[in-house]
């Protein structure tokens, strides 16, 4: 898998170095305030963050905005334009998608003057503006060197950025990263700013326990007499409650092709002073409509309290929500025994004892090989 990142490079080589970093920080805070954000010291409450990293000689200041990691070049250029206009200098907008496509925009005094991009089609250097780029090139390098750097790159566009960094006297590590990558490192000389939305919507109140799936199995390919384990990770979107049922029904159960044996449950994140692991055997019975079903009940489990996000979400909120979904999940590991050869479908129902009707989640599973499933579904 390739790399995905974005950044802004603000040229400050001609400025008074004593206060330039502070001035950039102050302006970014002001710019964020205009966008509806206020600065906070508590990153746990933050809706977005920005990392600012000046070079040793302060010829460039790198800005890594979490909001631009969504690969939106218009958003990236808007921020670069504001910085460029404020400081009456050049700002570069850098965006890399899957190490395959690259966008380098050059903004001067608030106006986008030119861009190098292979995002939509092959770069046509005949349409480029060499004089625009000459303002940031050092040591008598020319735009021909920029062209050569791109044309001599290997598979990855990062090779171009590495060569381009030499042409503008910038450490290539500044160009070859974005907020998500940099945020995983130990920050030393960088400045990190955290922001919260001023008029943030209140988190809605939780309803009754309601299951949804984070991850799960869709195929059981056991041969006759074999036992196979399959796993589901189920999270809660409502309040905490006690107890749940796992019900297995459908074509394969009715035709005696497969039966569930045991279900091992565990909380994704163990809870202090509470039982965190459970085992339940499946019992055969009939539904109210006479269908053959199997069920296993776990009455002692305390289903973790869920979380209901507000939309739209910032990238930080989205990532936080993803973590919460896992942290408050239950892992179900179910063993199945194949009684007969044959293909078909069955359904696994995960049902909280509270709000059973509306809070349940169902997962359809196919018994057979992947090729069998593809034939059945005409793929």
Protein backbone atom coordinates (compact mmCIF):
# COMPACT_ATOMS: atom_id res chain seq x y z
CA UNK A 1 0.00 0.00 0.00
CA UNK A 2 1.27 3.43 -0.90
CA UNK A 3 1.51 6.58 1.18
CA UNK A 4 -1.18 9.22 1.61
CA UNK A 5 -0.24 12.63 2.99
CA UNK A 6 -0.46 16.39 2.58
CA UNK A 7 1.48 19.39 3.82
CA UNK A 8 2.11 23.09 3.23
CA UNK A 9 5.59 24.60 2.95
CA UNK A 10 5.82 28.33 3.68
CA UNK A 11 9.01 30.03 2.45
CA UNK A 12 10.42 32.36 5.09
CA UNK A 13 14.03 32.75 3.92
CA UNK A 14 13.72 36.52 3.46
CA UNK A 15 12.06 37.22 6.80
CA UNK A 16 13.33 38.37 10.16
CA UNK A 17 13.95 35.02 11.83
CA UNK A 18 13.48 36.13 15.43
CA UNK A 19 9.69 36.05 15.55
CA UNK A 20 8.60 34.43 12.31
CA UNK A 21 7.59 31.09 13.86
CA UNK A 22 5.51 32.83 16.54
CA UNK A 23 3.86 34.98 13.89
CA UNK A 24 2.94 31.91 11.82
CA UNK A 25 1.55 30.17 14.90
CA UNK A 26 -0.51 33.23 15.82
CA UNK A 27 -1.89 33.53 12.31
CA UNK A 28 -2.84 29.84 12.14
CA UNK A 29 -4.74 30.27 15.42
CA UNK A 30 -6.50 33.32 13.93
CA UNK A 31 -7.24 31.46 10.68
CA UNK A 32 -8.69 28.53 12.61
CA UNK A 33 -10.83 30.90 14.68
CA UNK A 34 -12.28 32.32 11.47
CA UNK A 35 -13.14 28.75 10.50
CA UNK A 36 -15.07 28.20 13.72
CA UNK A 37 -12.37 26.66 15.92
CA UNK A 38 -10.87 27.77 19.20
CA UNK A 39 -7.57 26.55 20.63
CA UNK A 40 -7.51 24.09 23.53
CA UNK A 41 -4.81 22.54 25.72
CA UNK A 42 -6.69 19.25 25.96
CA UNK A 43 -6.06 17.10 22.89
CA UNK A 44 -8.61 14.53 24.08
CA UNK A 45 -11.34 17.12 23.50
CA UNK A 46 -9.88 18.40 20.23
CA UNK A 47 -11.75 18.25 16.93
CA UNK A 48 -8.65 18.87 14.86
CA UNK A 49 -4.91 19.46 15.30
CA UNK A 50 -2.14 21.17 13.35
CA UNK A 51 1.60 20.52 13.59
CA UNK A 52 4.04 23.32 12.71
CA UNK A 53 7.66 22.43 12.02
CA UNK A 54 10.24 25.11 11.11
CA UNK A 55 13.53 24.12 9.50
CA UNK A 56 16.75 24.62 11.44
CA UNK A 57 17.69 27.72 9.42
CA UNK A 58 14.06 28.95 9.31
CA UNK A 59 14.09 29.19 5.52
CA UNK A 60 10.88 27.16 5.41
CA UNK A 61 8.10 26.47 7.89
CA UNK A 62 6.14 23.25 7.38
CA UNK A 63 2.45 23.06 8.28
CA UNK A 64 0.67 19.73 8.70
CA UNK A 65 -3.08 20.25 9.08
CA UNK A 66 -5.18 17.25 10.08
CA UNK A 67 -8.10 18.69 8.10
CA UNK A 68 -6.21 18.40 4.80
CA UNK A 69 -5.52 14.68 5.15
CA UNK A 70 -8.78 14.03 3.28
CA UNK A 71 -6.87 14.60 0.01
CA UNK A 72 -8.83 17.73 -0.92
CA UNK A 73 -6.46 19.94 -2.91
CA UNK A 74 -8.90 22.90 -2.91
CA UNK A 75 -8.94 22.93 0.89
CA UNK A 76 -5.14 22.62 0.93
CA UNK A 77 -4.70 25.50 -1.52
CA UNK A 78 -7.10 27.71 0.41
CA UNK A 79 -4.97 27.45 3.55
CA UNK A 80 -1.77 27.90 1.55
CA UNK A 81 -3.26 30.97 -0.13
CA UNK A 82 -4.17 32.55 3.22
CA UNK A 83 -0.66 31.99 4.60
CA UNK A 84 0.98 33.20 1.40
CA UNK A 85 -1.12 36.36 1.29
CA UNK A 86 -0.62 37.16 4.97
CA UNK A 87 3.17 36.85 4.83
CA UNK A 88 3.55 38.05 1.22
CA UNK A 89 5.60 35.03 0.26
CA UNK A 90 5.44 31.66 -1.51
CA UNK A 91 3.61 28.65 -0.14
CA UNK A 92 3.73 25.15 -1.60
CA UNK A 93 0.78 22.77 -1.35
CA UNK A 94 1.91 19.14 -1.35
CA UNK A 95 -0.45 16.21 -1.73
CA UNK A 96 0.39 12.53 -2.37
CA UNK A 97 -2.19 9.83 -3.00
CA UNK A 98 -1.17 6.17 -2.69
CA UNK A 99 2.43 7.04 -3.73
CA UNK A 100 1.08 7.10 -7.27
CA UNK A 101 -0.19 10.62 -7.82
CA UNK A 102 1.26 13.92 -6.68
CA UNK A 103 0.10 17.52 -6.54
CA UNK A 104 2.49 20.43 -5.98
CA UNK A 105 0.83 23.84 -6.07
CA UNK A 106 2.78 27.10 -5.91
CA UNK A 107 0.98 30.10 -4.42
CA UNK A 108 2.57 33.56 -4.34
CA UNK A 109 1.08 36.45 -2.40
CA UNK A 110 -2.21 34.63 -2.10
CA UNK A 111 -2.59 33.60 -5.76
CA UNK A 112 -2.08 30.09 -7.13
CA UNK A 113 0.46 30.68 -9.88
CA UNK A 114 1.12 27.14 -11.14
CA UNK A 115 0.84 23.48 -10.21
CA UNK A 116 2.51 20.20 -11.09
CA UNK A 117 0.01 17.35 -10.92
CA UNK A 118 -0.58 13.93 -12.42
CA UNK A 119 -3.81 13.38 -10.45
CA UNK A 120 -6.17 13.57 -13.42
CA UNK A 121 -3.85 13.03 -16.36
CA UNK A 122 -0.21 12.95 -17.41
CA UNK A 123 1.68 16.14 -16.65
CA UNK A 124 2.00 18.49 -19.63
CA UNK A 125 5.12 20.48 -18.82
CA UNK A 126 4.55 22.60 -21.92
CA UNK A 127 1.78 24.35 -20.00
CA UNK A 128 3.96 25.02 -16.97
CA UNK A 129 5.31 28.46 -16.04
CA UNK A 130 9.08 28.11 -15.49
CA UNK A 131 9.56 31.66 -14.18
CA UNK A 132 7.10 31.02 -11.35
CA UNK A 133 9.21 28.13 -10.08
CA UNK A 134 12.53 29.91 -10.54
CA UNK A 135 11.78 32.05 -7.46
CA UNK A 136 12.27 29.10 -5.11
CA UNK A 137 15.03 27.19 -6.94
CA UNK A 138 18.59 27.50 -5.58
CA UNK A 139 22.12 27.14 -6.98
CA UNK A 140 21.17 28.06 -10.55
CA UNK A 141 18.75 25.18 -10.82
CA UNK A 142 16.05 25.72 -13.45
CA UNK A 143 12.63 24.37 -14.22
CA UNK A 144 14.32 21.85 -16.50
CA UNK A 145 15.72 20.27 -13.35
CA UNK A 146 12.21 20.05 -11.93
CA UNK A 147 11.02 18.33 -15.11
CA UNK A 148 13.98 15.98 -15.03
CA UNK A 149 13.30 15.10 -11.41
CA UNK A 150 9.77 14.03 -12.27
CA UNK A 151 10.63 12.22 -15.47
CA UNK A 152 13.42 10.23 -13.80
CA UNK A 153 11.31 9.09 -10.85
CA UNK A 154 10.70 5.38 -10.36
CA UNK A 155 7.29 3.96 -9.52
CA UNK A 156 6.74 6.15 -6.45
CA UNK A 157 6.10 9.90 -6.64
CA UNK A 158 8.06 10.32 -3.40
CA UNK A 159 11.20 9.95 -5.54
CA UNK A 160 10.23 13.14 -7.34
CA UNK A 161 9.64 14.99 -4.08
CA UNK A 162 13.02 13.84 -2.76
CA UNK A 163 14.77 15.38 -5.76
CA UNK A 164 12.52 18.44 -5.72
CA UNK A 165 13.45 19.08 -2.07
CA UNK A 166 17.13 19.39 -3.08
CA UNK A 167 16.24 21.98 -5.70
CA UNK A 168 14.56 24.25 -3.14
CA UNK A 169 16.94 23.67 -0.21
CA UNK A 170 14.43 21.82 1.95
CA UNK A 171 14.99 18.66 3.99
CA UNK A 172 13.08 15.98 2.07
CA UNK A 173 11.65 14.58 5.31
CA UNK A 174 9.56 17.77 5.52
CA UNK A 175 7.97 17.03 2.15
CA UNK A 176 7.54 13.28 2.60
CA UNK A 177 5.11 13.25 5.49
CA UNK A 178 1.71 14.46 6.64
CA UNK A 179 -0.17 14.97 9.87
CA UNK A 180 -1.15 11.31 10.34
CA UNK A 181 2.42 10.04 9.95
CA UNK A 182 4.05 12.83 11.95
CA UNK A 183 1.55 12.53 14.78
CA UNK A 184 2.69 8.95 15.42
CA UNK A 185 6.25 10.11 16.04
CA UNK A 186 7.71 11.69 19.16
CA UNK A 187 7.49 15.42 18.56
CA UNK A 188 10.52 17.41 19.77
CA UNK A 189 11.00 20.74 18.03
CA UNK A 190 7.58 20.76 16.39
CA UNK A 191 4.66 22.83 17.68
CA UNK A 192 1.30 21.11 17.99
CA UNK A 193 -1.91 23.12 18.16
CA UNK A 194 -5.23 21.53 19.15
CA UNK A 195 -8.62 23.06 18.34
CA UNK A 196 -12.26 22.49 19.25
CA UNK A 197 -15.29 23.64 17.31
CA UNK A 198 -16.91 26.72 18.81
CA UNK A 199 -20.52 25.80 18.08
CA UNK A 200 -20.17 22.06 18.29
CA UNK A 201 -23.38 20.08 18.32
CA UNK A 202 -24.09 18.30 21.57
CA UNK A 203 -23.67 14.53 21.54
CA UNK A 204 -27.16 13.06 21.25
CA UNK A 205 -28.56 11.04 24.14
CA UNK A 206 -28.16 7.30 23.81
CA UNK A 207 -31.17 5.11 23.22
CA UNK A 208 -31.60 1.50 24.29
CA UNK A 209 -28.92 -1.09 23.58
CA UNK A 210 -28.50 -1.52 19.83
CA UNK A 211 -25.94 -3.77 18.17
CA UNK A 212 -24.00 -3.07 14.96
CA UNK A 213 -21.12 -4.92 13.37
CA UNK A 214 -17.52 -3.72 13.31
CA UNK A 215 -16.15 -6.83 11.57
CA UNK A 216 -17.34 -10.33 10.86
CA UNK A 217 -17.17 -13.53 8.86
CA UNK A 218 -19.18 -14.25 5.75
CA UNK A 219 -18.06 -17.73 4.78
CA UNK A 220 -17.83 -21.19 6.41
CA UNK A 221 -16.20 -23.83 4.21
CA UNK A 222 -16.03 -26.82 6.59
CA UNK A 223 -16.23 -30.33 5.11
CA UNK A 224 -18.53 -32.97 6.57
CA UNK A 225 -17.53 -33.74 10.15
CA UNK A 226 -15.15 -30.77 10.39
CA UNK A 227 -15.36 -27.99 12.97
CA UNK A 228 -14.53 -24.40 12.09
CA UNK A 229 -14.39 -21.22 14.17
CA UNK A 230 -15.63 -17.92 12.85
CA UNK A 231 -15.42 -14.50 14.52
CA UNK A 232 -17.59 -11.41 14.73
CA UNK A 233 -16.90 -8.12 16.48
CA UNK A 234 -20.14 -6.45 17.54
CA UNK A 235 -20.41 -3.01 19.11
CA UNK A 236 -23.18 -1.18 20.94
CA UNK A 237 -24.73 2.14 19.90
CA UNK A 238 -26.93 2.54 22.97
CA UNK A 239 -26.87 2.41 26.75
CA UNK A 240 -25.32 -0.45 28.69
CA UNK A 241 -27.50 -3.44 29.56
CA UNK A 242 -27.17 -7.04 30.72
CA UNK A 243 -27.46 -10.25 28.75
CA UNK A 244 -27.72 -11.33 25.13
CA UNK A 245 -28.74 -14.21 22.86
CA UNK A 246 -26.99 -15.59 19.79
CA UNK A 247 -29.45 -17.26 17.40
CA UNK A 248 -28.53 -19.23 14.29
CA UNK A 249 -31.20 -20.02 11.71
CA UNK A 250 -31.78 -20.34 8.00
CA UNK A 251 -31.44 -22.65 5.02
CA UNK A 252 -28.34 -24.56 6.21
CA UNK A 253 -29.83 -25.13 9.66
CA UNK A 254 -33.20 -26.24 8.29
CA UNK A 255 -31.52 -28.68 5.86
CA UNK A 256 -29.11 -30.08 8.45
CA UNK A 257 -25.97 -28.94 6.66
CA UNK A 258 -24.34 -27.26 9.65
CA UNK A 259 -24.89 -26.69 13.36
CA UNK A 260 -23.37 -24.19 15.77
CA UNK A 261 -21.56 -25.75 18.72
CA UNK A 262 -20.04 -23.24 21.15
CA UNK A 263 -19.75 -19.46 21.40
CA UNK A 264 -16.83 -17.88 23.24
CA UNK A 265 -17.37 -14.21 24.05
CA UNK A 266 -14.91 -11.64 25.33
CA UNK A 267 -15.02 -7.89 25.84
CA UNK A 268 -12.67 -6.14 23.42
CA UNK A 269 -11.36 -3.98 26.27
CA UNK A 270 -11.54 -5.77 29.63
CA UNK A 271 -13.60 -4.04 32.31
CA UNK A 272 -12.25 -3.78 35.85
CA UNK A 273 -14.01 -5.88 38.50
CA UNK A 274 -16.30 -7.49 35.92
CA UNK A 275 -16.34 -10.82 34.15
CA UNK A 276 -14.81 -10.32 30.71
CA UNK A 277 -14.94 -13.79 29.13
CA UNK A 278 -17.92 -16.11 28.67
CA UNK A 279 -18.74 -19.45 27.04
CA UNK A 280 -22.17 -20.66 26.00
CA UNK A 281 -23.37 -23.84 24.30
CA UNK A 282 -25.99 -23.76 21.58
CA UNK A 283 -29.33 -25.43 22.20
CA UNK A 284 -31.60 -26.68 19.41
CA UNK A 285 -35.21 -25.52 19.45
CA UNK A 286 -37.95 -24.28 17.12
CA UNK A 287 -39.03 -20.76 16.32
CA UNK A 288 -42.59 -19.54 16.77
CA UNK A 289 -43.12 -20.32 13.05
CA UNK A 290 -41.80 -23.87 13.44
CA UNK A 291 -38.34 -23.38 11.91
CA UNK A 292 -35.35 -25.24 13.31
CA UNK A 293 -33.02 -22.84 15.14
CA UNK A 294 -30.14 -22.90 17.62
CA UNK A 295 -29.62 -20.37 20.37
CA UNK A 296 -27.11 -19.63 23.12
CA UNK A 297 -27.86 -17.25 25.99
CA UNK A 298 -25.34 -15.29 28.08
CA UNK A 299 -27.19 -13.55 30.88
CA UNK A 300 -24.24 -12.37 32.97
CA UNK A 301 -22.47 -10.26 30.38
CA UNK A 302 -22.53 -6.49 30.92
CA UNK A 303 -22.78 -4.95 27.45
CA UNK A 304 -20.50 -1.86 27.34
CA UNK A 305 -22.10 1.54 26.97
CA UNK A 306 -22.11 2.67 23.36
CA UNK A 307 -21.47 5.97 21.63
CA UNK A 308 -23.57 7.91 19.16
CA UNK A 309 -21.63 10.43 17.04
CA UNK A 310 -22.86 13.68 15.59
CA UNK A 311 -22.53 14.28 11.85
CA UNK A 312 -20.69 15.58 9.99
CA UNK A 313 -17.52 14.49 11.77
CA UNK A 314 -14.06 16.02 11.58
CA UNK A 315 -11.20 13.59 10.73
CA UNK A 316 -10.20 13.53 14.40
CA UNK A 317 -13.77 12.78 15.49
CA UNK A 318 -14.05 10.05 12.88
CA UNK A 319 -10.86 8.40 14.08
CA UNK A 320 -11.93 8.76 17.70
CA UNK A 321 -15.29 7.18 16.86
CA UNK A 322 -13.52 4.28 15.15
CA UNK A 323 -11.48 3.66 18.30
CA UNK A 324 -14.57 3.88 20.51
CA UNK A 325 -16.45 1.38 18.33
CA UNK A 326 -13.69 -1.17 18.91
CA UNK A 327 -13.10 -0.32 22.57
CA UNK A 328 -16.76 -0.93 23.40
CA UNK A 329 -17.15 -4.06 21.31
CA UNK A 330 -17.72 -7.72 22.11
CA UNK A 331 -15.79 -10.45 20.30
CA UNK A 332 -17.87 -13.52 19.38
CA UNK A 333 -15.95 -16.67 18.42
CA UNK A 334 -18.43 -19.34 17.27
CA UNK A 335 -17.60 -22.92 16.34
CA UNK A 336 -19.61 -24.63 13.60
CA UNK A 337 -19.75 -28.35 12.76
CA UNK A 338 -20.58 -29.43 9.20
CA UNK A 339 -23.12 -32.28 9.36
CA UNK A 340 -23.58 -32.74 5.62
CA UNK A 341 -21.96 -31.69 2.36
CA UNK A 342 -23.74 -28.97 0.47
CA UNK A 343 -23.91 -25.21 0.04
CA UNK A 344 -26.35 -22.64 1.30
CA UNK A 345 -26.86 -19.70 3.63
CA UNK A 346 -27.69 -19.19 7.26
CA UNK A 347 -28.01 -16.17 9.53
CA UNK A 348 -26.45 -15.37 12.89
CA UNK A 349 -28.51 -13.00 15.05
CA UNK A 350 -26.90 -11.06 17.92
CA UNK A 351 -29.73 -9.99 20.24
CA UNK A 352 -29.52 -7.93 23.44
CA UNK A 353 -32.05 -9.11 26.01
CA UNK A 354 -33.04 -5.45 26.42
CA UNK A 355 -34.48 -3.92 23.22
CA UNK A 356 -34.39 -7.31 21.55
CA UNK A 357 -36.69 -6.37 18.67
CA UNK A 358 -34.96 -3.20 17.46
CA UNK A 359 -31.50 -3.68 18.98
CA UNK A 360 -30.52 -6.93 17.25
CA UNK A 361 -28.00 -7.29 14.43
CA UNK A 362 -27.99 -10.10 11.87
CA UNK A 363 -25.14 -11.41 9.74
CA UNK A 364 -25.71 -13.68 6.73
CA UNK A 365 -23.12 -16.45 6.29
CA UNK A 366 -22.53 -18.71 3.29
CA UNK A 367 -21.59 -22.39 3.69
CA UNK A 368 -19.33 -23.57 0.91
CA UNK A 369 -16.29 -22.51 -1.05
CA UNK A 370 -15.78 -18.97 -2.32
CA UNK A 371 -16.29 -20.21 -5.88
CA UNK A 372 -19.67 -21.64 -4.85
CA UNK A 373 -20.69 -18.28 -3.43
CA UNK A 374 -19.55 -16.46 -6.58
CA UNK A 375 -21.51 -18.85 -8.81
CA UNK A 376 -24.63 -18.45 -6.70
CA UNK A 377 -24.34 -14.70 -6.83
CA UNK A 378 -23.36 -14.67 -10.54
CA UNK A 379 -20.03 -12.90 -10.02
